[in-house]
């Protein structure tokens, strides 16, 4: 669990789907939704795909956080990885 967070409380938040663990990092469910919406906006601007760097810069976060977020988006079908870019997946939200 992150420093200063009670493990039982964190487990309860995960159980209630308010928090999601991705590769050992805990994200608010709303952050995952915001990441999906950001991916949709980036793909509306560049349908050929966007890079990790473009996502990281647009999200204003670090590669440490961008990579697990993108892995989650790939895993849930929001995006798909093609070589070094992410392209639209079947569950991409409207931009």
PDB file of N, CA and C in Angstrom:
ATOM      1  N   UNK A   1       0.844  -1.191   0.000  1.00  0.00           N
ATOM      2  CA  UNK A   1       0.000   0.000   0.000  1.00  0.00           C
ATOM      3  C   UNK A   1       0.882   1.246   0.000  1.00  0.00           C
ATOM      4  N   UNK A   2       0.408   2.318  -0.615  1.00  0.00           N
ATOM      5  CA  UNK A   2       1.167   3.572  -0.576  1.00  0.00           C
ATOM      6  C   UNK A   2       1.356   4.053   0.861  1.00  0.00           C
ATOM      7  N   UNK A   3       2.418   4.810   1.092  1.00  0.00           N
ATOM      8  CA  UNK A   3       2.683   5.342   2.428  1.00  0.00           C
ATOM      9  C   UNK A   3       1.484   6.116   2.943  1.00  0.00           C
ATOM     10  N   UNK A   4       1.163   5.901   4.216  1.00  0.00           N
ATOM     11  CA  UNK A   4       0.094   6.657   4.863  1.00  0.00           C
ATOM     12  C   UNK A   4      -1.308   6.177   4.531  1.00  0.00           C
ATOM     13  N   UNK A   5      -1.422   5.066   3.807  1.00  0.00           N
ATOM     14  CA  UNK A   5      -2.740   4.547   3.442  1.00  0.00           C
ATOM     15  C   UNK A   5      -2.946   3.210   4.139  1.00  0.00           C
ATOM     16  N   UNK A   6      -4.061   3.076   4.809  1.00  0.00           N
ATOM     17  CA  UNK A   6      -4.400   1.844   5.501  1.00  0.00           C
ATOM     18  C   UNK A   6      -4.696   0.744   4.474  1.00  0.00           C
ATOM     19  N   UNK A   7      -4.044  -0.400   4.632  1.00  0.00           N
ATOM     20  CA  UNK A   7      -4.217  -1.496   3.672  1.00  0.00           C
ATOM     21  C   UNK A   7      -5.669  -1.962   3.574  1.00  0.00           C
ATOM     22  N   UNK A   8      -6.350  -2.065   4.704  1.00  0.00           N
ATOM     23  CA  UNK A   8      -7.748  -2.517   4.686  1.00  0.00           C
ATOM     24  C   UNK A   8      -8.622  -1.515   3.935  1.00  0.00           C
ATOM     25  N   UNK A   9      -8.378  -0.233   4.150  1.00  0.00           N
ATOM     26  CA  UNK A   9      -9.149   0.794   3.434  1.00  0.00           C
ATOM     27  C   UNK A   9      -8.862   0.727   1.937  1.00  0.00           C
ATOM     28  N   UNK A  10      -7.606   0.538   1.580  1.00  0.00           N
ATOM     29  CA  UNK A  10      -7.239   0.453   0.172  1.00  0.00           C
ATOM     30  C   UNK A  10      -7.896  -0.762  -0.484  1.00  0.00           C
ATOM     31  N   UNK A  11      -7.858  -1.915   0.194  1.00  0.00           N
ATOM     32  CA  UNK A  11      -8.521  -3.116  -0.340  1.00  0.00           C
ATOM     33  C   UNK A  11     -10.009  -2.867  -0.549  1.00  0.00           C
ATOM     34  N   UNK A  12     -10.638  -2.157   0.380  1.00  0.00           N
ATOM     35  CA  UNK A  12     -12.066  -1.855   0.253  1.00  0.00           C
ATOM     36  C   UNK A  12     -12.319  -0.946  -0.948  1.00  0.00           C
ATOM     37  N   UNK A  13     -11.472   0.045  -1.159  1.00  0.00           N
ATOM     38  CA  UNK A  13     -11.629   0.930  -2.324  1.00  0.00           C
ATOM     39  C   UNK A  13     -11.455   0.152  -3.627  1.00  0.00           C
ATOM     40  N   UNK A  14     -10.517  -0.781  -3.648  1.00  0.00           N
ATOM     41  CA  UNK A  14     -10.323  -1.619  -4.835  1.00  0.00           C
ATOM     42  C   UNK A  14     -11.548  -2.505  -5.035  1.00  0.00           C
ATOM     43  N   UNK A  15     -12.050  -3.108  -3.948  1.00  0.00           N
ATOM     44  CA  UNK A  15     -13.233  -3.969  -4.040  1.00  0.00           C
ATOM     45  C   UNK A  15     -14.428  -3.206  -4.589  1.00  0.00           C
ATOM     46  N   UNK A  16     -14.568  -1.948  -4.177  1.00  0.00           N
ATOM     47  CA  UNK A  16     -15.689  -1.110  -4.628  1.00  0.00           C
ATOM     48  C   UNK A  16     -15.416  -0.459  -5.988  1.00  0.00           C
ATOM     49  N   UNK A  17     -14.280  -0.801  -6.591  1.00  0.00           N
ATOM     50  CA  UNK A  17     -13.882  -0.309  -7.911  1.00  0.00           C
ATOM     51  C   UNK A  17     -13.725   1.212  -7.967  1.00  0.00           C
ATOM     52  N   UNK A  18     -13.391   1.802  -6.827  1.00  0.00           N
ATOM     53  CA  UNK A  18     -13.100   3.235  -6.781  1.00  0.00           C
ATOM     54  C   UNK A  18     -11.621   3.478  -7.064  1.00  0.00           C
ATOM     55  N   UNK A  19     -10.815   2.457  -6.797  1.00  0.00           N
ATOM     56  CA  UNK A  19      -9.371   2.499  -7.026  1.00  0.00           C
ATOM     57  C   UNK A  19      -8.999   1.233  -7.785  1.00  0.00           C
ATOM     58  N   UNK A  20      -8.072   1.366  -8.723  1.00  0.00           N
ATOM     59  CA  UNK A  20      -7.619   0.235  -9.530  1.00  0.00           C
ATOM     60  C   UNK A  20      -6.104   0.135  -9.406  1.00  0.00           C
ATOM     61  N   UNK A  21      -5.614  -1.076  -9.191  1.00  0.00           N
ATOM     62  CA  UNK A  21      -4.167  -1.294  -9.143  1.00  0.00           C
ATOM     63  C   UNK A  21      -3.693  -1.748 -10.516  1.00  0.00           C
ATOM     64  N   UNK A  22      -2.702  -1.064 -11.040  1.00  0.00           N
ATOM     65  CA  UNK A  22      -2.113  -1.417 -12.330  1.00  0.00           C
ATOM     66  C   UNK A  22      -0.600  -1.462 -12.145  1.00  0.00           C
ATOM     67  N   UNK A  23      -0.038  -2.644 -12.298  1.00  0.00           N
ATOM     68  CA  UNK A  23       1.417  -2.816 -12.188  1.00  0.00           C
ATOM     69  C   UNK A  23       1.973  -2.219 -10.895  1.00  0.00           C
ATOM     70  N   UNK A  24       1.263  -2.445  -9.797  1.00  0.00           N
ATOM     71  CA  UNK A  24       1.731  -1.993  -8.496  1.00  0.00           C
ATOM     72  C   UNK A  24       1.473  -0.532  -8.186  1.00  0.00           C
ATOM     73  N   UNK A  25       0.820   0.172  -9.091  1.00  0.00           N
ATOM     74  CA  UNK A  25       0.480   1.580  -8.875  1.00  0.00           C
ATOM     75  C   UNK A  25      -1.036   1.678  -8.745  1.00  0.00           C
ATOM     76  N   UNK A  26      -1.486   2.432  -7.764  1.00  0.00           N
ATOM     77  CA  UNK A  26      -2.921   2.586  -7.532  1.00  0.00           C
ATOM     78  C   UNK A  26      -3.413   3.870  -8.180  1.00  0.00           C
ATOM     79  N   UNK A  27      -4.481   3.745  -8.967  1.00  0.00           N
ATOM     80  CA  UNK A  27      -5.094   4.883  -9.647  1.00  0.00           C
ATOM     81  C   UNK A  27      -6.557   4.976  -9.245  1.00  0.00           C
ATOM     82  N   UNK A  28      -7.044   6.194  -9.095  1.00  0.00           N
ATOM     83  CA  UNK A  28      -8.485   6.382  -8.930  1.00  0.00           C
ATOM     84  C   UNK A  28      -9.155   5.927 -10.218  1.00  0.00           C
ATOM     85  N   UNK A  29     -10.322   5.312 -10.098  1.00  0.00           N
ATOM     86  CA  UNK A  29     -11.055   4.879 -11.290  1.00  0.00           C
ATOM     87  C   UNK A  29     -11.305   6.063 -12.220  1.00  0.00           C
ATOM     88  N   UNK A  30     -11.522   7.232 -11.644  1.00  0.00           N
ATOM     89  CA  UNK A  30     -11.753   8.428 -12.464  1.00  0.00           C
ATOM     90  C   UNK A  30     -10.515   8.789 -13.282  1.00  0.00           C
ATOM     91  N   UNK A  31      -9.324   8.470 -12.778  1.00  0.00           N
ATOM     92  CA  UNK A  31      -8.092   8.738 -13.531  1.00  0.00           C
ATOM     93  C   UNK A  31      -8.008   7.833 -14.758  1.00  0.00           C
ATOM     94  N   UNK A  32      -8.488   6.607 -14.632  1.00  0.00           N
ATOM     95  CA  UNK A  32      -8.496   5.704 -15.787  1.00  0.00           C
ATOM     96  C   UNK A  32      -9.479   6.199 -16.838  1.00  0.00           C
ATOM     97  N   UNK A  33     -10.623   6.697 -16.391  1.00  0.00           N
ATOM     98  CA  UNK A  33     -11.598   7.250 -17.337  1.00  0.00           C
ATOM     99  C   UNK A  33     -11.013   8.484 -18.026  1.00  0.00           C
ATOM    100  N   UNK A  34     -10.345   9.338 -17.263  1.00  0.00           N
ATOM    101  CA  UNK A  34      -9.721  10.531 -17.842  1.00  0.00           C
ATOM    102  C   UNK A  34      -8.634  10.135 -18.847  1.00  0.00           C
ATOM    103  N   UNK A  35      -7.886   9.074 -18.551  1.00  0.00           N
ATOM    104  CA  UNK A  35      -6.850   8.601 -19.478  1.00  0.00           C
ATOM    105  C   UNK A  35      -7.476   8.095 -20.775  1.00  0.00           C
ATOM    106  N   UNK A  36      -8.606   7.401 -20.673  1.00  0.00           N
ATOM    107  CA  UNK A  36      -9.304   6.914 -21.873  1.00  0.00           C
ATOM    108  C   UNK A  36      -9.803   8.084 -22.714  1.00  0.00           C
ATOM    109  N   UNK A  37     -10.332   9.105 -22.052  1.00  0.00           N
ATOM    110  CA  UNK A  37     -10.812  10.288 -22.770  1.00  0.00           C
ATOM    111  C   UNK A  37      -9.655  11.039 -23.425  1.00  0.00           C
ATOM    112  N   UNK A  38      -8.520  11.109 -22.740  1.00  0.00           N
ATOM    113  CA  UNK A  38      -7.337  11.747 -23.312  1.00  0.00           C
ATOM    114  C   UNK A  38      -6.862  10.973 -24.547  1.00  0.00           C
ATOM    115  N   UNK A  39      -6.849   9.655 -24.459  1.00  0.00           N
ATOM    116  CA  UNK A  39      -6.452   8.836 -25.611  1.00  0.00           C
ATOM    117  C   UNK A  39      -7.374   9.110 -26.795  1.00  0.00           C
ATOM    118  N   UNK A  40      -8.666   9.236 -26.537  1.00  0.00           N
ATOM    119  CA  UNK A  40      -9.622   9.519 -27.620  1.00  0.00           C
ATOM    120  C   UNK A  40      -9.331  10.872 -28.261  1.00  0.00           C
ATOM    121  N   UNK A  41      -9.017  11.876 -27.435  1.00  0.00           N
ATOM    122  CA  UNK A  41      -8.694  13.205 -27.982  1.00  0.00           C
ATOM    123  C   UNK A  41      -7.412  13.163 -28.808  1.00  0.00           C
ATOM    124  N   UNK A  42      -6.404  12.471 -28.298  1.00  0.00           N
ATOM    125  CA  UNK A  42      -5.141  12.367 -29.039  1.00  0.00           C
ATOM    126  C   UNK A  42      -5.350  11.650 -30.372  1.00  0.00           C
ATOM    127  N   UNK A  43      -6.167  10.607 -30.378  1.00  0.00           N
ATOM    128  CA  UNK A  43      -6.413   9.869 -31.621  1.00  0.00           C
ATOM    129  C   UNK A  43      -7.295  10.654 -32.582  1.00  0.00           C
ATOM    130  N   UNK A  44      -8.126  11.539 -32.073  1.00  0.00           N
ATOM    131  CA  UNK A  44      -8.907  12.408 -32.959  1.00  0.00           C
ATOM    132  C   UNK A  44      -7.969  13.358 -33.699  1.00  0.00           C
ATOM    133  N   UNK A  45      -6.902  13.788 -33.008  1.00  0.00           N
ATOM    134  CA  UNK A  45      -5.916  14.687 -33.616  1.00  0.00           C
ATOM    135  C   UNK A  45      -4.949  13.937 -34.530  1.00  0.00           C
ATOM    136  N   UNK A  46      -4.603  12.704 -34.167  1.00  0.00           N
ATOM    137  CA  UNK A  46      -3.654  11.902 -34.948  1.00  0.00           C
ATOM    138  C   UNK A  46      -4.150  10.458 -35.048  1.00  0.00           C
ATOM    139  N   UNK A  47      -5.040  10.206 -35.999  1.00  0.00           N
ATOM    140  CA  UNK A  47      -5.616   8.861 -36.148  1.00  0.00           C
ATOM    141  C   UNK A  47      -4.584   7.766 -36.420  1.00  0.00           C
ATOM    142  N   UNK A  48      -3.404   8.168 -36.896  1.00  0.00           N
ATOM    143  CA  UNK A  48      -2.354   7.175 -37.166  1.00  0.00           C
ATOM    144  C   UNK A  48      -1.748   6.629 -35.887  1.00  0.00           C
ATOM    145  N   UNK A  49      -2.036   7.261 -34.764  1.00  0.00           N
ATOM    146  CA  UNK A  49      -1.573   6.779 -33.469  1.00  0.00           C
ATOM    147  C   UNK A  49      -0.754   7.817 -32.725  1.00  0.00           C
ATOM    148  N   UNK A  50      -0.630   7.610 -31.420  1.00  0.00           N
ATOM    149  CA  UNK A  50       0.165   8.517 -30.589  1.00  0.00           C
ATOM    150  C   UNK A  50       1.211   7.720 -29.822  1.00  0.00           C
ATOM    151  N   UNK A  51       2.300   8.405 -29.484  1.00  0.00           N
ATOM    152  CA  UNK A  51       3.409   7.779 -28.761  1.00  0.00           C
ATOM    153  C   UNK A  51       3.206   7.891 -27.257  1.00  0.00           C
ATOM    154  N   UNK A  52       3.983   7.113 -26.524  1.00  0.00           N
ATOM    155  CA  UNK A  52       3.985   7.221 -25.063  1.00  0.00           C
ATOM    156  C   UNK A  52       4.338   8.648 -24.671  1.00  0.00           C
ATOM    157  N   UNK A  53       5.319   9.222 -25.343  1.00  0.00           N
ATOM    158  CA  UNK A  53       5.759  10.581 -25.037  1.00  0.00           C
ATOM    159  C   UNK A  53       4.630  11.591 -25.224  1.00  0.00           C
ATOM    160  N   UNK A  54       3.878  11.462 -26.317  1.00  0.00           N
ATOM    161  CA  UNK A  54       2.764  12.390 -26.560  1.00  0.00           C
ATOM    162  C   UNK A  54       1.705  12.245 -25.471  1.00  0.00           C
ATOM    163  N   UNK A  55       1.409  11.013 -25.067  1.00  0.00           N
ATOM    164  CA  UNK A  55       0.429  10.775 -24.005  1.00  0.00           C
ATOM    165  C   UNK A  55       0.928  11.359 -22.690  1.00  0.00           C
ATOM    166  N   UNK A  56       2.184  11.078 -22.370  1.00  0.00           N
ATOM    167  CA  UNK A  56       2.772  11.552 -21.110  1.00  0.00           C
ATOM    168  C   UNK A  56       2.728  13.071 -21.035  1.00  0.00           C
ATOM    169  N   UNK A  57       3.117  13.728 -22.119  1.00  0.00           N
ATOM    170  CA  UNK A  57       3.113  15.192 -22.137  1.00  0.00           C
ATOM    171  C   UNK A  57       1.696  15.742 -22.018  1.00  0.00           C
ATOM    172  N   UNK A  58       0.750  15.147 -22.736  1.00  0.00           N
ATOM    173  CA  UNK A  58      -0.636  15.626 -22.686  1.00  0.00           C
ATOM    174  C   UNK A  58      -1.253  15.393 -21.311  1.00  0.00           C
ATOM    175  N   UNK A  59      -0.875  14.289 -20.670  1.00  0.00           N
ATOM    176  CA  UNK A  59      -1.420  13.966 -19.350  1.00  0.00           C
ATOM    177  C   UNK A  59      -0.704  14.727 -18.239  1.00  0.00           C
ATOM    178  N   UNK A  60       0.496  15.213 -18.539  1.00  0.00           N
ATOM    179  CA  UNK A  60       1.264  15.918 -17.519  1.00  0.00           C
ATOM    180  C   UNK A  60       1.771  14.985 -16.431  1.00  0.00           C
ATOM    181  N   UNK A  61       2.078  13.741 -16.807  1.00  0.00           N
ATOM    182  CA  UNK A  61       2.610  12.826 -15.804  1.00  0.00           C
ATOM    183  C   UNK A  61       3.932  12.235 -16.271  1.00  0.00           C
ATOM    184  N   UNK A  62       4.468  11.347 -15.478  1.00  0.00           N
ATOM    185  CA  UNK A  62       5.768  10.762 -15.782  1.00  0.00           C
ATOM    186  C   UNK A  62       5.601   9.459 -16.555  1.00  0.00           C
ATOM    187  N   UNK A  63       6.689   9.013 -17.160  1.00  0.00           N
ATOM    188  CA  UNK A  63       6.676   7.727 -17.864  1.00  0.00           C
ATOM    189  C   UNK A  63       6.300   6.601 -16.902  1.00  0.00           C
ATOM    190  N   UNK A  64       6.735   6.729 -15.641  1.00  0.00           N
ATOM    191  CA  UNK A  64       6.428   5.715 -14.617  1.00  0.00           C
ATOM    192  C   UNK A  64       4.921   5.502 -14.492  1.00  0.00           C
ATOM    193  N   UNK A  65       4.149   6.573 -14.635  1.00  0.00           N
ATOM    194  CA  UNK A  65       2.688   6.467 -14.537  1.00  0.00           C
ATOM    195  C   UNK A  65       2.028   6.280 -15.900  1.00  0.00           C
ATOM    196  N   UNK A  66       2.615   6.846 -16.942  1.00  0.00           N
ATOM    197  CA  UNK A  66       2.022   6.738 -18.281  1.00  0.00           C
ATOM    198  C   UNK A  66       2.027   5.298 -18.780  1.00  0.00           C
ATOM    199  N   UNK A  67       3.114   4.580 -18.561  1.00  0.00           N
ATOM    200  CA  UNK A  67       3.214   3.210 -19.083  1.00  0.00           C
ATOM    201  C   UNK A  67       2.140   2.288 -18.505  1.00  0.00           C
ATOM    202  N   UNK A  68       1.933   2.260 -17.181  1.00  0.00           N
ATOM    203  CA  UNK A  68       0.862   1.403 -16.659  1.00  0.00           C
ATOM    204  C   UNK A  68      -0.530   1.846 -17.119  1.00  0.00           C
ATOM    205  N   UNK A  69      -0.745   3.155 -17.230  1.00  0.00           N
ATOM    206  CA  UNK A  69      -2.042   3.630 -17.725  1.00  0.00           C
ATOM    207  C   UNK A  69      -2.284   3.142 -19.146  1.00  0.00           C
ATOM    208  N   UNK A  70      -1.275   3.255 -19.996  1.00  0.00           N
ATOM    209  CA  UNK A  70      -1.425   2.797 -21.380  1.00  0.00           C
ATOM    210  C   UNK A  70      -1.593   1.279 -21.445  1.00  0.00           C
ATOM    211  N   UNK A  71      -0.885   0.557 -20.592  1.00  0.00           N
ATOM    212  CA  UNK A  71      -1.050  -0.902 -20.554  1.00  0.00           C
ATOM    213  C   UNK A  71      -2.483  -1.261 -20.175  1.00  0.00           C
ATOM    214  N   UNK A  72      -3.042  -0.522 -19.227  1.00  0.00           N
ATOM    215  CA  UNK A  72      -4.434  -0.766 -18.824  1.00  0.00           C
ATOM    216  C   UNK A  72      -5.393  -0.444 -19.970  1.00  0.00           C
ATOM    217  N   UNK A  73      -5.156   0.673 -20.668  1.00  0.00           N
ATOM    218  CA  UNK A  73      -6.015   1.029 -21.803  1.00  0.00           C
ATOM    219  C   UNK A  73      -5.925  -0.038 -22.895  1.00  0.00           C
ATOM    220  N   UNK A  74      -4.722  -0.553 -23.137  1.00  0.00           N
ATOM    221  CA  UNK A  74      -4.561  -1.633 -24.114  1.00  0.00           C
ATOM    222  C   UNK A  74      -5.319  -2.882 -23.653  1.00  0.00           C
ATOM    223  N   UNK A  75      -5.174  -3.203 -22.378  1.00  0.00           N
ATOM    224  CA  UNK A  75      -5.787  -4.414 -21.830  1.00  0.00           C
ATOM    225  C   UNK A  75      -7.300  -4.386 -21.808  1.00  0.00           C
ATOM    226  N   UNK A  76      -7.866  -3.195 -21.742  1.00  0.00           N
ATOM    227  CA  UNK A  76      -9.328  -3.079 -21.706  1.00  0.00           C
ATOM    228  C   UNK A  76      -9.912  -2.754 -23.074  1.00  0.00           C
ATOM    229  N   UNK A  77      -9.068  -2.698 -24.102  1.00  0.00           N
ATOM    230  CA  UNK A  77      -9.563  -2.483 -25.457  1.00  0.00           C
ATOM    231  C   UNK A  77      -9.815  -1.043 -25.842  1.00  0.00           C
ATOM    232  N   UNK A  78      -9.410  -0.108 -24.989  1.00  0.00           N
ATOM    233  CA  UNK A  78      -9.566   1.311 -25.329  1.00  0.00           C
ATOM    234  C   UNK A  78      -8.584   1.669 -26.440  1.00  0.00           C
ATOM    235  N   UNK A  79      -7.356   1.179 -26.297  1.00  0.00           N
ATOM    236  CA  UNK A  79      -6.322   1.383 -27.313  1.00  0.00           C
ATOM    237  C   UNK A  79      -5.711   0.028 -27.647  1.00  0.00           C
ATOM    238  N   UNK A  80      -4.915   0.029 -28.707  1.00  0.00           N
ATOM    239  CA  UNK A  80      -4.115  -1.142 -29.072  1.00  0.00           C
ATOM    240  C   UNK A  80      -2.721  -0.647 -29.401  1.00  0.00           C
ATOM    241  N   UNK A  81      -1.739  -1.416 -28.994  1.00  0.00           N
ATOM    242  CA  UNK A  81      -0.357  -1.040 -29.309  1.00  0.00           C
ATOM    243  C   UNK A  81       0.008  -1.582 -30.684  1.00  0.00           C
ATOM    244  N   UNK A  82       0.539  -0.704 -31.514  1.00  0.00           N
ATOM    245  CA  UNK A  82       1.069  -1.108 -32.825  1.00  0.00           C
ATOM    246  C   UNK A  82       2.462  -0.499 -32.925  1.00  0.00           C
ATOM    247  N   UNK A  83       3.466  -1.345 -32.873  1.00  0.00           N
ATOM    248  CA  UNK A  83       4.859  -0.893 -32.860  1.00  0.00           C
ATOM    249  C   UNK A  83       5.052   0.101 -31.716  1.00  0.00           C
ATOM    250  N   UNK A  84       5.414   1.347 -32.031  1.00  0.00           N
ATOM    251  CA  UNK A  84       5.686   2.333 -30.981  1.00  0.00           C
ATOM    252  C   UNK A  84       4.533   3.299 -30.740  1.00  0.00           C
ATOM    253  N   UNK A  85       3.373   3.021 -31.295  1.00  0.00           N
ATOM    254  CA  UNK A  85       2.239   3.934 -31.106  1.00  0.00           C
ATOM    255  C   UNK A  85       1.021   3.187 -30.590  1.00  0.00           C
ATOM    256  N   UNK A  86       0.090   3.961 -30.042  1.00  0.00           N
ATOM    257  CA  UNK A  86      -1.214   3.429 -29.644  1.00  0.00           C
ATOM    258  C   UNK A  86      -2.219   3.869 -30.682  1.00  0.00           C
ATOM    259  N   UNK A  87      -3.057   2.920 -31.105  1.00  0.00           N
ATOM    260  CA  UNK A  87      -4.127   3.215 -32.052  1.00  0.00           C
ATOM    261  C   UNK A  87      -5.462   2.919 -31.377  1.00  0.00           C
ATOM    262  N   UNK A  88      -6.546   3.295 -32.033  1.00  0.00           N
ATOM    263  CA  UNK A  88      -7.875   3.091 -31.463  1.00  0.00           C
ATOM    264  C   UNK A  88      -8.169   1.609 -31.281  1.00  0.00           C
ATOM    265  N   UNK A  89      -8.728   1.292 -30.136  1.00  0.00           N
ATOM    266  CA  UNK A  89      -9.218  -0.054 -29.867  1.00  0.00           C
ATOM    267  C   UNK A  89     -10.732  -0.062 -29.978  1.00  0.00           C
ATOM    268  N   UNK A  90     -11.347  -1.221 -29.852  1.00  0.00           N
ATOM    269  CA  UNK A  90     -12.798  -1.324 -30.014  1.00  0.00           C
ATOM    270  C   UNK A  90     -13.599  -0.595 -28.937  1.00  0.00           C
ATOM    271  N   UNK A  91     -12.986  -0.296 -27.798  1.00  0.00           N
ATOM    272  CA  UNK A  91     -13.714   0.356 -26.704  1.00  0.00           C
ATOM    273  C   UNK A  91     -13.290   1.811 -26.493  1.00  0.00           C
ATOM    274  N   UNK A  92     -12.715   2.424 -27.511  1.00  0.00           N
ATOM    275  CA  UNK A  92     -12.310   3.829 -27.413  1.00  0.00           C
ATOM    276  C   UNK A  92     -13.548   4.703 -27.241  1.00  0.00           C
ATOM    277  N   UNK A  93     -13.573   5.578 -26.220  1.00  0.00           N
ATOM    278  CA  UNK A  93     -14.741   6.463 -26.060  1.00  0.00           C
ATOM    279  C   UNK A  93     -14.773   7.532 -27.153  1.00  0.00           C
ATOM    280  N   UNK A  94     -15.912   8.175 -27.288  1.00  0.00           N
ATOM    281  CA  UNK A  94     -16.030   9.289 -28.237  1.00  0.00           C
ATOM    282  C   UNK A  94     -15.128  10.429 -27.783  1.00  0.00           C
ATOM    283  N   UNK A  95     -14.486  11.085 -28.729  1.00  0.00           N
ATOM    284  CA  UNK A  95     -13.580  12.208 -28.394  1.00  0.00           C
ATOM    285  C   UNK A  95     -14.373  13.457 -28.079  1.00  0.00           C
TER     286      UNK A  95
END
